[in-house]
Amino acid sequence: MFQSFFPQPKMFFSSLAIWCGLLILVWYSFGQTIGEAIGFDLSEKEQVIGLGHFITSEFLWFDTFFAFGTIAFFLVWRSRSPHEWQIWSVLGSALLIYLSYASVQVSVVINAWYQKHLWLYLLLPFSWIFTFLTNRRRRKYLKNQISSFKTDIPVVVVGNINIGGTGKTPLVKHIASKLKERGLKVGIVSRGYGGNFSGTLRVDDNTEYKKSGDEAQMLANLNVPLYLDKNRPRAIQNLINENDCDVILSDDGLQHYKMYRDIEIIVIDGSRRLGNGLTFPAGPLRESSKRLKTGNYIINNGGPTEDGEILMTLQPSKFVHLNTGKSYDIDKWPMHNQIHAVAGLGNPGRFFDTLSQLNFDIERHPFPDHHQFEESDFEFLDHHPIIMTEKDAARCKNFENPRIWYLTVEPKIEESFIDDLESRIRSLSTDE
């Protein structure tokens, strides 16, 4: 019976394994994004988001996927009388080979989203399913079919609909500083991606990077309560139980609908915008582009802006020596201009462009987002200085390398945005 439908059962199971391999690769590559978007709670040990990050940290997986995909491709291709399912197997194995190879090329797949490669349209059926699930889940929260955790203290979420970095954490840092200057007591919650902790973690100046992750380190010196937890409602509950706050900022979490929010700030990359405009996996979007219409503020990082968007630029501030902490203003760089530029970001090109605009002669070294740096990553043949971002430097604090510097940036955004945000927050506090 089975053989009448599938004349070559061995080939059938081979093709089935190919597509299972693809699903596993996608899950391990973007598990956090998929899980949060469709409401699936990942385990405490799930620490993988970037395609390149997963594969480059687990070479055995790359070798296995690439070898299996190659063998399966030729086995199916050499079949004398291919059936329709075998043709799909060829496509699947070819895609598996490509993804396995692309994984060690840092940002190949992500770049394909923004360069609008045509092969991505093969993944459209999966994007339709993803969009249906995310839209359905959000509607359930909006209709109160699923409850959200709501507190009397206003919650402001700063997030994005793109996979990858758009400048959320620097904006959260800027907003927290400005609101604090205006007399508001601010608390911050975040997921703590890359950190090694369970439950809720309160972060202070003494918290090690390995425990909190890199993004939390950028916020730790604000002298405001900072709580990390993949369960953001639990983080908020702990924060308000132990602190007196007027407003809570959530660094990321736009798709974390279990956390009720009073104000939504959506950040987009001005140069890359929404890429090909498709949802994952055919494109870079966690939710449909229509989601932009529902946010209270759309912050455009870098411009050019479109109607209804507020321009933010990240202005270079200081060069800081990693080992000594000594800092220099941008126009007082103490060394020669031939440098190694290192970036483990979702969009490393923006950082490289910034250094080029500062008249550096740079050699680019892109790494996957949240890359776990090792000292061997900086064993370059020459003795040129190495410049990285503040976020990356948090992962290299214990390195004894006198050549490493990092560049701090300060967000520049119109003061009227902060004025309006403060007014909304105070109005919400009065209503409560």
Protein backbone atom coordinates (compact mmCIF):
# COMPACT_ATOMS: atom_id res chain seq x y z
CA MET A 1 0.00 0.00 0.00
CA PHE A 2 2.70 2.48 1.09
CA GLN A 3 4.87 1.57 -1.89
CA SER A 4 2.03 2.28 -4.33
CA PHE A 5 2.00 5.88 -3.19
CA PHE A 6 5.77 6.19 -2.75
CA PRO A 7 7.62 3.88 -5.16
CA GLN A 8 10.92 4.73 -3.47
CA PRO A 9 10.29 4.78 0.29
CA LYS A 10 13.96 5.32 1.10
CA MET A 11 13.94 8.48 -0.96
CA PHE A 12 10.70 9.57 0.66
CA PHE A 13 12.17 9.30 4.15
CA SER A 14 15.32 11.02 2.94
CA SER A 15 13.29 13.99 1.70
CA LEU A 16 11.26 14.00 4.92
CA ALA A 17 14.48 14.20 6.91
CA ILE A 18 15.64 17.11 4.74
CA TRP A 19 12.59 19.18 5.58
CA CYS A 20 12.78 18.23 9.25
CA GLY A 21 16.37 19.46 9.15
CA LEU A 22 15.19 22.74 7.69
CA LEU A 23 12.62 23.16 10.45
CA ILE A 24 15.19 22.39 13.15
CA LEU A 25 17.66 24.85 11.62
CA VAL A 26 15.04 27.61 11.48
CA TRP A 27 13.88 26.92 15.03
CA TYR A 28 17.37 27.00 16.53
CA SER A 29 18.19 30.08 14.48
CA PHE A 30 15.14 32.18 15.28
CA GLY A 31 13.51 30.30 18.15
CA GLN A 32 13.18 33.33 20.41
CA THR A 33 11.56 35.43 17.67
CA ILE A 34 9.11 32.70 16.69
CA GLY A 35 8.30 31.79 20.27
CA GLU A 36 7.57 35.31 21.43
CA ALA A 37 5.64 36.23 18.30
CA ILE A 38 3.23 33.29 18.53
CA GLY A 39 3.16 33.12 22.32
CA PHE A 40 5.16 29.93 22.86
CA ASP A 41 7.19 30.03 26.08
CA LEU A 42 10.76 28.92 25.52
CA SER A 43 12.77 27.14 28.19
CA GLU A 44 15.08 29.09 30.47
CA LYS A 45 18.03 27.62 28.59
CA GLU A 46 16.97 28.93 25.15
CA GLN A 47 19.76 31.35 24.33
CA VAL A 48 19.85 31.32 20.53
CA ILE A 49 18.45 33.92 18.14
CA GLY A 50 20.91 34.59 15.33
CA LEU A 51 21.42 32.17 12.48
CA GLY A 52 25.13 32.85 12.37
CA HIS A 53 25.41 32.86 16.18
CA PHE A 54 23.96 29.37 16.45
CA ILE A 55 25.96 27.79 13.67
CA THR A 56 29.29 29.44 14.46
CA SER A 57 28.98 28.40 18.11
CA GLU A 58 28.02 24.83 17.13
CA PHE A 59 30.17 23.78 14.16
CA LEU A 60 29.02 20.20 14.53
CA TRP A 61 25.50 21.25 13.53
CA PHE A 62 26.83 23.09 10.50
CA ASP A 63 28.89 20.07 9.39
CA THR A 64 25.94 17.72 9.86
CA PHE A 65 23.39 19.88 8.03
CA PHE A 66 25.73 20.72 5.17
CA ALA A 67 26.94 17.15 4.64
CA PHE A 68 23.46 15.64 4.91
CA GLY A 69 21.95 18.25 2.63
CA THR A 70 24.63 17.70 -0.01
CA ILE A 71 24.31 13.91 0.02
CA ALA A 72 20.51 14.00 -0.03
CA PHE A 73 20.51 16.50 -2.87
CA PHE A 74 22.57 14.25 -5.13
CA LEU A 75 20.67 11.10 -4.15
CA VAL A 76 17.38 12.69 -5.14
CA TRP A 77 18.81 14.40 -8.19
CA ARG A 78 20.19 11.12 -9.60
CA SER A 79 16.82 9.37 -9.36
CA ARG A 80 15.87 8.15 -12.86
CA SER A 81 12.15 8.82 -12.58
CA PRO A 82 11.65 11.69 -10.14
CA HIS A 83 8.20 12.18 -8.71
CA GLU A 84 6.74 15.52 -7.69
CA TRP A 85 7.68 15.00 -4.05
CA GLN A 86 11.26 14.28 -5.15
CA ILE A 87 11.44 17.59 -6.98
CA TRP A 88 10.36 19.33 -3.78
CA SER A 89 13.06 17.33 -1.99
CA VAL A 90 15.66 18.72 -4.38
CA LEU A 91 14.47 22.24 -3.60
CA GLY A 92 14.46 21.50 0.11
CA SER A 93 17.94 20.01 0.18
CA ALA A 94 19.28 22.86 -1.95
CA LEU A 95 17.78 25.35 0.50
CA LEU A 96 19.25 23.40 3.42
CA ILE A 97 22.69 23.52 1.83
CA TYR A 98 22.36 27.22 1.15
CA LEU A 99 21.18 28.05 4.67
CA SER A 100 23.93 25.94 6.22
CA TYR A 101 26.54 27.78 4.16
CA ALA A 102 24.93 31.16 4.71
CA SER A 103 24.89 30.61 8.45
CA VAL A 104 28.63 31.02 8.74
CA GLN A 105 28.57 34.11 6.56
CA VAL A 106 27.26 36.13 9.52
CA SER A 107 24.39 38.10 7.98
CA VAL A 108 23.77 36.58 4.55
CA VAL A 109 20.16 35.61 5.18
CA ILE A 110 19.37 38.85 7.01
CA ASN A 111 20.94 40.85 4.17
CA ALA A 112 18.81 38.89 1.69
CA TRP A 113 15.70 40.17 3.48
CA TYR A 114 16.79 43.76 3.07
CA GLN A 115 18.16 43.35 -0.45
CA LYS A 116 14.85 41.76 -1.49
CA HIS A 117 16.22 38.56 -3.00
CA LEU A 118 13.65 36.76 -5.10
CA TRP A 119 14.34 33.26 -3.71
CA LEU A 120 12.74 34.36 -0.43
CA TYR A 121 9.31 34.24 -2.07
CA LEU A 122 9.61 30.43 -1.95
CA LEU A 123 9.03 30.84 1.79
CA LEU A 124 5.85 32.90 1.43
CA PRO A 125 3.48 30.06 2.50
CA PHE A 126 5.34 29.83 5.82
CA SER A 127 5.14 33.62 6.22
CA TRP A 128 1.37 33.51 5.70
CA ILE A 129 1.07 30.94 8.46
CA PHE A 130 3.32 33.00 10.74
CA THR A 131 1.30 36.17 10.04
CA PHE A 132 -1.98 34.37 10.72
CA LEU A 133 -0.71 33.08 14.07
CA THR A 134 0.69 36.43 15.22
CA ASN A 135 -2.41 38.38 14.17
CA ARG A 136 -4.72 35.84 15.78
CA ARG A 137 -2.76 35.96 19.02
CA ARG A 138 -2.80 39.76 19.21
CA ARG A 139 -6.55 39.88 18.52
CA LYS A 140 -7.15 37.55 21.45
CA TYR A 141 -5.36 39.92 23.81
CA LEU A 142 -7.14 42.96 22.39
CA LYS A 143 -10.52 41.24 22.89
CA ASN A 144 -9.52 40.15 26.42
CA GLN A 145 -9.89 36.50 25.45
CA ILE A 146 -6.43 36.11 26.97
CA SER A 147 -5.60 38.29 29.96
CA SER A 148 -2.61 40.64 30.20
CA PHE A 149 -0.87 41.65 33.40
CA LYS A 150 -1.83 45.26 34.18
CA THR A 151 -0.45 47.44 36.93
CA ASP A 152 -1.47 50.86 38.22
CA ILE A 153 1.90 52.23 37.10
CA PRO A 154 2.10 53.31 33.42
CA VAL A 155 4.13 50.90 31.26
CA VAL A 156 5.96 52.18 28.17
CA VAL A 157 7.26 49.53 25.80
CA VAL A 158 10.08 50.37 23.37
CA GLY A 159 10.21 47.70 20.68
CA ASN A 160 10.31 46.95 16.99
CA ILE A 161 8.66 44.77 14.39
CA ASN A 162 11.95 43.88 12.69
CA ILE A 163 14.19 40.95 13.55
CA GLY A 164 17.54 42.39 14.59
CA GLY A 165 18.73 45.65 16.07
CA THR A 166 17.14 49.03 15.42
CA GLY A 167 18.56 51.07 18.32
CA LYS A 168 16.01 50.30 21.05
CA THR A 169 18.38 50.08 24.02
CA PRO A 170 20.11 53.46 23.43
CA LEU A 171 16.64 55.03 23.12
CA VAL A 172 15.48 53.41 26.38
CA LYS A 173 18.60 54.74 28.08
CA HIS A 174 17.94 58.24 26.70
CA ILE A 175 14.26 58.25 27.69
CA ALA A 176 15.06 56.99 31.20
CA SER A 177 17.68 59.72 31.70
CA LYS A 178 15.37 62.47 30.44
CA LEU A 179 12.38 61.37 32.52
CA LYS A 180 14.58 61.05 35.57
CA GLU A 181 15.83 64.62 35.05
CA ARG A 182 12.19 65.74 35.01
CA GLY A 183 11.50 64.26 38.42
CA LEU A 184 9.88 60.95 37.46
CA LYS A 185 10.93 57.76 39.25
CA VAL A 186 11.78 55.30 36.47
CA GLY A 187 12.07 51.52 36.51
CA ILE A 188 13.21 49.32 33.61
CA VAL A 189 12.42 45.71 32.69
CA SER A 190 14.04 43.65 29.96
CA ARG A 191 14.32 40.04 28.86
CA GLY A 192 18.05 39.85 29.58
CA TYR A 193 18.95 38.13 26.35
CA GLY A 194 22.31 36.36 26.57
CA GLY A 195 22.30 36.36 30.37
CA ASN A 196 22.77 33.28 32.51
CA PHE A 197 20.13 33.45 35.23
CA SER A 198 16.78 31.97 36.16
CA GLY A 199 13.63 33.72 37.35
CA THR A 200 14.06 37.46 37.94
CA LEU A 201 17.42 39.18 38.19
CA ARG A 202 17.93 42.68 39.60
CA VAL A 203 20.90 44.32 37.88
CA ASP A 204 23.29 46.84 39.44
CA ASP A 205 26.83 48.07 38.80
CA ASN A 206 28.28 44.89 40.31
CA THR A 207 26.32 42.44 38.15
CA GLU A 208 28.61 40.54 35.80
CA TYR A 209 27.98 40.56 32.06
CA LYS A 210 27.80 36.76 31.90
CA LYS A 211 24.88 36.86 34.28
CA SER A 212 22.92 39.78 32.81
CA GLY A 213 23.83 39.85 29.10
CA ASP A 214 25.28 42.78 27.16
CA GLU A 215 22.23 45.04 26.70
CA ALA A 216 21.53 45.17 30.43
CA GLN A 217 25.10 46.33 31.03
CA MET A 218 24.39 49.43 28.92
CA LEU A 219 21.50 50.31 31.26
CA ALA A 220 23.12 49.32 34.56
CA ASN A 221 24.81 52.68 35.18
CA LEU A 222 21.57 54.71 35.02
CA ASN A 223 21.02 54.28 38.75
CA VAL A 224 17.41 53.18 38.26
CA PRO A 225 15.84 49.82 39.21
CA LEU A 226 16.55 47.34 36.39
CA TYR A 227 14.95 43.88 36.43
CA LEU A 228 15.51 41.07 33.92
CA ASP A 229 13.14 38.22 33.27
CA LYS A 230 11.92 36.46 30.14
CA ASN A 231 8.53 36.66 31.88
CA ARG A 232 8.14 40.45 31.82
CA PRO A 233 4.96 40.57 33.95
CA ARG A 234 6.91 38.77 36.69
CA ALA A 235 9.75 41.28 36.30
CA ILE A 236 7.27 44.17 36.65
CA GLN A 237 5.66 42.60 39.71
CA ASN A 238 9.03 42.23 41.43
CA LEU A 239 10.03 45.75 40.43
CA ILE A 240 6.94 47.42 41.91
CA ASN A 241 7.06 45.24 45.03
CA GLU A 242 10.57 46.42 45.83
CA ASN A 243 10.63 49.98 44.45
CA ASP A 244 8.58 53.15 44.26
CA CYS A 245 8.15 53.99 40.56
CA ASP A 246 6.15 56.49 38.52
CA VAL A 247 6.73 54.77 35.17
CA ILE A 248 8.13 51.47 33.89
CA LEU A 249 10.07 51.22 30.64
CA SER A 250 10.28 47.88 28.84
CA ASP A 251 13.37 47.45 26.69
CA ASP A 252 11.90 45.39 23.84
CA GLY A 253 8.79 43.28 24.37
CA LEU A 254 6.44 44.78 21.78
CA GLN A 255 5.24 41.26 20.97
CA HIS A 256 5.09 40.21 24.63
CA TYR A 257 1.34 40.73 24.94
CA LYS A 258 1.14 39.10 28.35
CA MET A 259 2.50 42.45 29.51
CA TYR A 260 -0.13 45.18 29.24
CA ARG A 261 1.28 48.43 27.95
CA ASP A 262 -0.10 51.96 28.09
CA ILE A 263 2.25 53.47 25.50
CA GLU A 264 4.01 51.82 22.56
CA ILE A 265 7.15 53.24 20.97
CA ILE A 266 8.16 51.40 17.78
CA VAL A 267 11.71 51.88 16.48
CA ILE A 268 12.63 51.33 12.83
CA ASP A 269 15.95 51.52 11.00
CA GLY A 270 15.73 54.52 8.69
CA SER A 271 18.06 53.15 6.04
CA ARG A 272 16.88 49.53 5.92
CA ARG A 273 13.28 50.23 6.99
CA LEU A 274 11.16 47.06 6.66
CA GLY A 275 13.29 45.27 4.06
CA ASN A 276 11.11 43.37 1.60
CA GLY A 277 8.06 44.03 3.79
CA LEU A 278 7.40 40.32 4.39
CA THR A 279 7.01 38.54 7.70
CA PHE A 280 9.34 35.81 8.90
CA PRO A 281 10.75 33.60 7.39
CA ALA A 282 10.42 35.21 3.93
CA GLY A 283 11.21 38.61 5.41
CA PRO A 284 12.51 40.35 8.53
CA LEU A 285 9.19 41.27 10.16
CA ARG A 286 7.91 39.82 13.44
CA GLU A 287 4.48 41.27 12.68
CA SER A 288 2.77 42.73 9.64
CA SER A 289 3.82 46.25 8.60
CA LYS A 290 0.25 47.33 9.47
CA ARG A 291 1.35 47.09 13.09
CA LEU A 292 3.12 50.45 12.70
CA LYS A 293 -0.28 52.16 12.54
CA THR A 294 -1.15 51.05 16.06
CA GLY A 295 1.91 52.43 17.91
CA ASN A 296 1.82 55.74 19.78
CA TYR A 297 5.20 56.84 18.43
CA ILE A 298 7.28 55.69 15.45
CA ILE A 299 10.96 56.50 15.98
CA ASN A 300 13.10 56.48 12.83
CA ASN A 301 16.73 55.73 13.62
CA GLY A 302 18.91 57.58 11.14
CA GLY A 303 16.33 58.79 8.60
CA PRO A 304 15.09 59.71 6.13
CA THR A 305 11.71 59.95 7.82
CA GLU A 306 8.23 59.52 6.42
CA ASP A 307 4.96 61.05 7.62
CA GLY A 308 4.29 60.50 11.30
CA GLU A 309 7.85 59.42 12.13
CA ILE A 310 10.18 61.08 14.64
CA LEU A 311 13.85 61.28 13.69
CA MET A 312 16.49 59.92 16.05
CA THR A 313 20.19 59.93 15.30
CA LEU A 314 22.91 58.19 17.29
CA GLN A 315 25.69 60.73 17.65
CA PRO A 316 29.24 59.48 18.39
CA SER A 317 30.22 60.71 21.83
CA LYS A 318 33.51 59.36 23.19
CA PHE A 319 36.22 56.78 22.60
CA VAL A 320 36.83 54.74 25.76
CA HIS A 321 39.82 52.49 26.36
CA LEU A 322 38.58 49.05 27.42
CA ASN A 323 41.25 48.25 30.02
CA THR A 324 41.87 51.66 31.60
CA GLY A 325 38.49 53.35 31.14
CA LYS A 326 40.22 56.52 29.92
CA SER A 327 38.01 58.42 27.45
CA TYR A 328 38.62 60.92 24.67
CA ASP A 329 36.27 63.20 22.80
CA ILE A 330 35.58 62.32 19.18
CA ASP A 331 37.91 65.01 17.84
CA LYS A 332 40.75 64.04 20.19
CA TRP A 333 41.37 60.41 19.13
CA PRO A 334 44.93 59.75 20.35
CA MET A 335 46.05 57.11 17.85
CA HIS A 336 46.41 56.71 14.08
CA ASN A 337 43.36 56.30 11.85
CA GLN A 338 44.03 52.81 10.53
CA ILE A 339 41.83 50.60 12.68
CA HIS A 340 40.04 47.28 12.96
CA ALA A 341 36.28 47.82 13.32
CA VAL A 342 34.53 45.00 15.19
CA ALA A 343 30.75 44.66 15.51
CA GLY A 344 28.56 41.84 16.78
CA LEU A 345 25.27 43.51 15.91
CA GLY A 346 22.08 42.89 13.98
CA ASN A 347 23.15 45.64 11.56
CA PRO A 348 26.95 46.05 11.76
CA GLY A 349 27.01 48.19 8.62
CA ARG A 350 25.62 51.19 10.50
CA PHE A 351 28.54 51.10 12.96
CA PHE A 352 31.09 50.71 10.18
CA ASP A 353 29.57 53.64 8.29
CA THR A 354 29.79 55.79 11.43
CA LEU A 355 33.52 55.10 11.76
CA SER A 356 34.06 55.81 8.05
CA GLN A 357 32.31 59.15 8.46
CA LEU A 358 34.80 59.92 11.26
CA ASN A 359 37.57 59.53 8.65
CA PHE A 360 38.92 56.20 9.87
CA ASP A 361 40.57 53.80 7.46
CA ILE A 362 38.77 50.68 8.64
CA GLU A 363 39.09 46.94 8.19
CA ARG A 364 35.64 45.49 8.84
CA HIS A 365 35.10 42.49 11.09
CA PRO A 366 31.36 41.70 11.34
CA PHE A 367 30.20 39.05 13.80
CA PRO A 368 26.74 37.63 14.50
CA ASP A 369 24.44 39.57 16.81
CA HIS A 370 25.25 38.84 20.49
CA HIS A 371 28.41 36.97 19.47
CA GLN A 372 30.27 35.54 22.46
CA PHE A 373 33.69 37.05 21.83
CA GLU A 374 36.91 35.23 22.64
CA GLU A 375 40.34 36.81 22.84
CA SER A 376 41.36 34.84 19.76
CA ASP A 377 38.81 36.87 17.75
CA PHE A 378 41.19 39.85 18.04
CA GLU A 379 44.43 38.17 17.02
CA PHE A 380 45.03 40.34 13.96
CA LEU A 381 48.39 40.29 12.21
CA ASP A 382 49.09 43.99 12.63
CA HIS A 383 49.04 46.26 15.68
CA HIS A 384 46.30 48.67 14.64
CA PRO A 385 43.78 49.80 17.28
CA ILE A 386 40.49 47.90 17.56
CA ILE A 387 37.24 49.84 17.94
CA MET A 388 33.91 48.23 18.83
CA THR A 389 30.52 49.31 20.15
CA GLU A 390 29.74 49.82 23.82
CA LYS A 391 27.36 46.85 23.63
CA ASP A 392 30.12 44.57 22.30
CA ALA A 393 32.62 45.91 24.84
CA ALA A 394 30.37 44.64 27.66
CA ARG A 395 31.22 41.11 26.48
CA CYS A 396 34.97 41.81 26.51
CA LYS A 397 35.45 43.47 29.90
CA ASN A 398 37.88 40.83 31.16
CA PHE A 399 40.08 40.78 28.06
CA GLU A 400 43.66 41.93 28.58
CA ASN A 401 44.12 43.58 25.22
CA PRO A 402 45.47 47.15 25.28
CA ARG A 403 44.45 47.73 21.64
CA ILE A 404 40.68 47.57 22.26
CA TRP A 405 38.57 50.73 22.43
CA TYR A 406 34.83 51.24 22.24
CA LEU A 407 32.72 54.09 20.91
CA THR A 408 29.87 55.48 22.99
CA VAL A 409 26.90 57.11 21.28
CA GLU A 410 24.24 59.54 22.45
CA PRO A 411 20.76 59.54 20.90
CA LYS A 412 19.68 62.89 19.52
CA ILE A 413 15.93 63.33 19.27
CA GLU A 414 13.67 66.36 19.33
CA GLU A 415 12.79 67.50 22.85
CA SER A 416 9.12 67.80 21.91
CA PHE A 417 8.96 63.98 21.83
CA ILE A 418 10.10 63.79 25.46
CA ASP A 419 7.69 66.61 26.36
CA ASP A 420 4.74 64.76 24.85
CA LEU A 421 5.78 61.43 26.36
CA GLU A 422 6.10 62.96 29.83
CA SER A 423 2.67 64.57 29.45
CA ARG A 424 1.09 61.21 28.51
CA ILE A 425 2.74 59.45 31.43
CA ARG A 426 1.63 62.07 33.97
CA SER A 427 -1.87 62.00 32.52
CA LEU A 428 -2.03 58.22 32.90
CA SER A 429 -0.80 58.48 36.49
CA THR A 430 -3.52 61.03 37.28
CA ASP A 431 -6.22 58.87 35.69
CA GLU A 432 -5.13 55.90 37.79
